[in-house]
Amino acid sequence: MTQRKHHSGVETVINVGTGYFIAMILNLYFLPFFVEDIQAQVFSTAVIIGLVYTGTSMVRSYIFRRAFTHLTEGEKCEKV
């Protein structure tokens, strides 16, 4: 069961677009807690921030992947 190119493109645009806005929200509300550590270039703070952004991205990508898989499987069932 393969996904059509159009669906892959739409999924990518939605995933990256929402990722941009989620990152902006994190920048506004999460990063201010770490201003002093960022200025002091504390390595552990950089690791924590990287893990938060990576984890958020992985959860977002998983949700969209499952949603688009569900949508494309639903279309295949309707065509049969």
C-alpha atoms as a PDB file:
ATOM      1  CA  MET A   1       0.000   0.000   0.000  1.00  0.00           C
ATOM      2  CA  THR A   2       1.736   3.106  -1.223  1.00  0.00           C
ATOM      3  CA  GLN A   3       0.856   6.701  -0.691  1.00  0.00           C
ATOM      4  CA  ARG A   4       0.250   8.875  -3.720  1.00  0.00           C
ATOM      5  CA  LYS A   5       2.751  11.645  -4.435  1.00  0.00           C
ATOM      6  CA  HIS A   6       0.078  14.285  -3.908  1.00  0.00           C
ATOM      7  CA  HIS A   7      -0.730  12.946  -0.437  1.00  0.00           C
ATOM      8  CA  SER A   8       2.964  12.801   0.451  1.00  0.00           C
ATOM      9  CA  GLY A   9       3.368  16.414  -0.609  1.00  0.00           C
ATOM     10  CA  VAL A  10       0.336  17.584   1.347  1.00  0.00           C
ATOM     11  CA  GLU A  11       1.486  15.658   4.417  1.00  0.00           C
ATOM     12  CA  THR A  12       4.960  17.195   4.193  1.00  0.00           C
ATOM     13  CA  VAL A  13       3.659  20.754   3.811  1.00  0.00           C
ATOM     14  CA  ILE A  14       1.244  20.355   6.732  1.00  0.00           C
ATOM     15  CA  ASN A  15       3.862  18.683   8.937  1.00  0.00           C
ATOM     16  CA  VAL A  16       6.574  21.268   8.264  1.00  0.00           C
ATOM     17  CA  GLY A  17       4.132  24.185   8.409  1.00  0.00           C
ATOM     18  CA  THR A  18       2.716  23.183  11.769  1.00  0.00           C
ATOM     19  CA  GLY A  19       6.258  22.468  12.961  1.00  0.00           C
ATOM     20  CA  TYR A  20       7.192  26.056  12.201  1.00  0.00           C
ATOM     21  CA  PHE A  21       4.307  27.427  14.270  1.00  0.00           C
ATOM     22  CA  ILE A  22       4.894  24.999  17.132  1.00  0.00           C
ATOM     23  CA  ALA A  23       8.572  26.029  17.178  1.00  0.00           C
ATOM     24  CA  MET A  24       7.529  29.697  17.306  1.00  0.00           C
ATOM     25  CA  ILE A  25       5.296  28.972  20.289  1.00  0.00           C
ATOM     26  CA  LEU A  26       8.100  27.072  22.009  1.00  0.00           C
ATOM     27  CA  ASN A  27      10.463  29.967  21.282  1.00  0.00           C
ATOM     28  CA  LEU A  28       8.075  32.432  22.873  1.00  0.00           C
ATOM     29  CA  TYR A  29       6.996  30.442  25.935  1.00  0.00           C
ATOM     30  CA  PHE A  30       9.698  27.812  26.590  1.00  0.00           C
ATOM     31  CA  LEU A  31      13.020  29.491  25.785  1.00  0.00           C
ATOM     32  CA  PRO A  32      12.579  32.459  28.172  1.00  0.00           C
ATOM     33  CA  PHE A  33      13.036  30.035  31.090  1.00  0.00           C
ATOM     34  CA  PHE A  34      16.579  29.373  29.874  1.00  0.00           C
ATOM     35  CA  VAL A  35      17.798  32.859  28.898  1.00  0.00           C
ATOM     36  CA  GLU A  36      20.631  33.028  31.445  1.00  0.00           C
ATOM     37  CA  ASP A  37      21.833  29.486  30.671  1.00  0.00           C
ATOM     38  CA  ILE A  38      21.700  30.158  26.922  1.00  0.00           C
ATOM     39  CA  GLN A  39      23.768  33.323  27.359  1.00  0.00           C
ATOM     40  CA  ALA A  40      26.255  31.386  29.504  1.00  0.00           C
ATOM     41  CA  GLN A  41      26.331  28.603  26.877  1.00  0.00           C
ATOM     42  CA  VAL A  42      25.528  25.848  29.381  1.00  0.00           C
ATOM     43  CA  PHE A  43      25.846  22.531  27.545  1.00  0.00           C
ATOM     44  CA  SER A  44      23.187  20.704  29.579  1.00  0.00           C
ATOM     45  CA  THR A  45      20.690  23.440  28.752  1.00  0.00           C
ATOM     46  CA  ALA A  46      21.442  23.027  25.048  1.00  0.00           C
ATOM     47  CA  VAL A  47      20.819  19.275  25.394  1.00  0.00           C
ATOM     48  CA  ILE A  48      17.519  19.822  27.229  1.00  0.00           C
ATOM     49  CA  ILE A  49      16.289  22.351  24.662  1.00  0.00           C
ATOM     50  CA  GLY A  50      17.337  20.058  21.808  1.00  0.00           C
ATOM     51  CA  LEU A  51      15.506  17.114  23.388  1.00  0.00           C
ATOM     52  CA  VAL A  52      12.323  19.166  23.854  1.00  0.00           C
ATOM     53  CA  TYR A  53      12.329  20.334  20.232  1.00  0.00           C
ATOM     54  CA  THR A  54      13.223  16.871  18.918  1.00  0.00           C
ATOM     55  CA  GLY A  55      10.581  15.165  21.061  1.00  0.00           C
ATOM     56  CA  THR A  56       7.945  17.664  19.986  1.00  0.00           C
ATOM     57  CA  SER A  57       8.884  17.113  16.355  1.00  0.00           C
ATOM     58  CA  MET A  58       8.758  13.331  16.688  1.00  0.00           C
ATOM     59  CA  VAL A  59       5.304  13.395  18.307  1.00  0.00           C
ATOM     60  CA  ARG A  60       3.991  15.823  15.675  1.00  0.00           C
ATOM     61  CA  SER A  61       5.411  13.754  12.817  1.00  0.00           C
ATOM     62  CA  TYR A  62       3.991  10.533  14.261  1.00  0.00           C
ATOM     63  CA  ILE A  63       0.519  12.060  14.612  1.00  0.00           C
ATOM     64  CA  PHE A  64       0.497  13.342  11.031  1.00  0.00           C
ATOM     65  CA  ARG A  65       1.941  10.068   9.667  1.00  0.00           C
ATOM     66  CA  ARG A  66      -0.799   8.047  11.388  1.00  0.00           C
ATOM     67  CA  ALA A  67      -3.506  10.500  10.284  1.00  0.00           C
ATOM     68  CA  PHE A  68      -2.428  10.447   6.634  1.00  0.00           C
ATOM     69  CA  THR A  69      -2.021   6.664   6.684  1.00  0.00           C
ATOM     70  CA  HIS A  70      -5.574   6.404   8.001  1.00  0.00           C
ATOM     71  CA  LEU A  71      -6.841   8.794   5.313  1.00  0.00           C
ATOM     72  CA  THR A  72      -5.108   7.000   2.446  1.00  0.00           C
ATOM     73  CA  GLU A  73      -6.246   3.578   3.661  1.00  0.00           C
ATOM     74  CA  GLY A  74      -9.803   4.929   3.858  1.00  0.00           C
ATOM     75  CA  GLU A  75      -9.620   6.103   0.236  1.00  0.00           C
ATOM     76  CA  LYS A  76      -8.426   2.675  -0.904  1.00  0.00           C
ATOM     77  CA  CYS A  77     -11.342   0.992   0.830  1.00  0.00           C
ATOM     78  CA  GLU A  78     -13.827   3.336  -0.876  1.00  0.00           C
ATOM     79  CA  LYS A  79     -12.391   2.583  -4.333  1.00  0.00           C
ATOM     80  CA  VAL A  80     -12.697  -1.194  -3.951  1.00  0.00           C
END
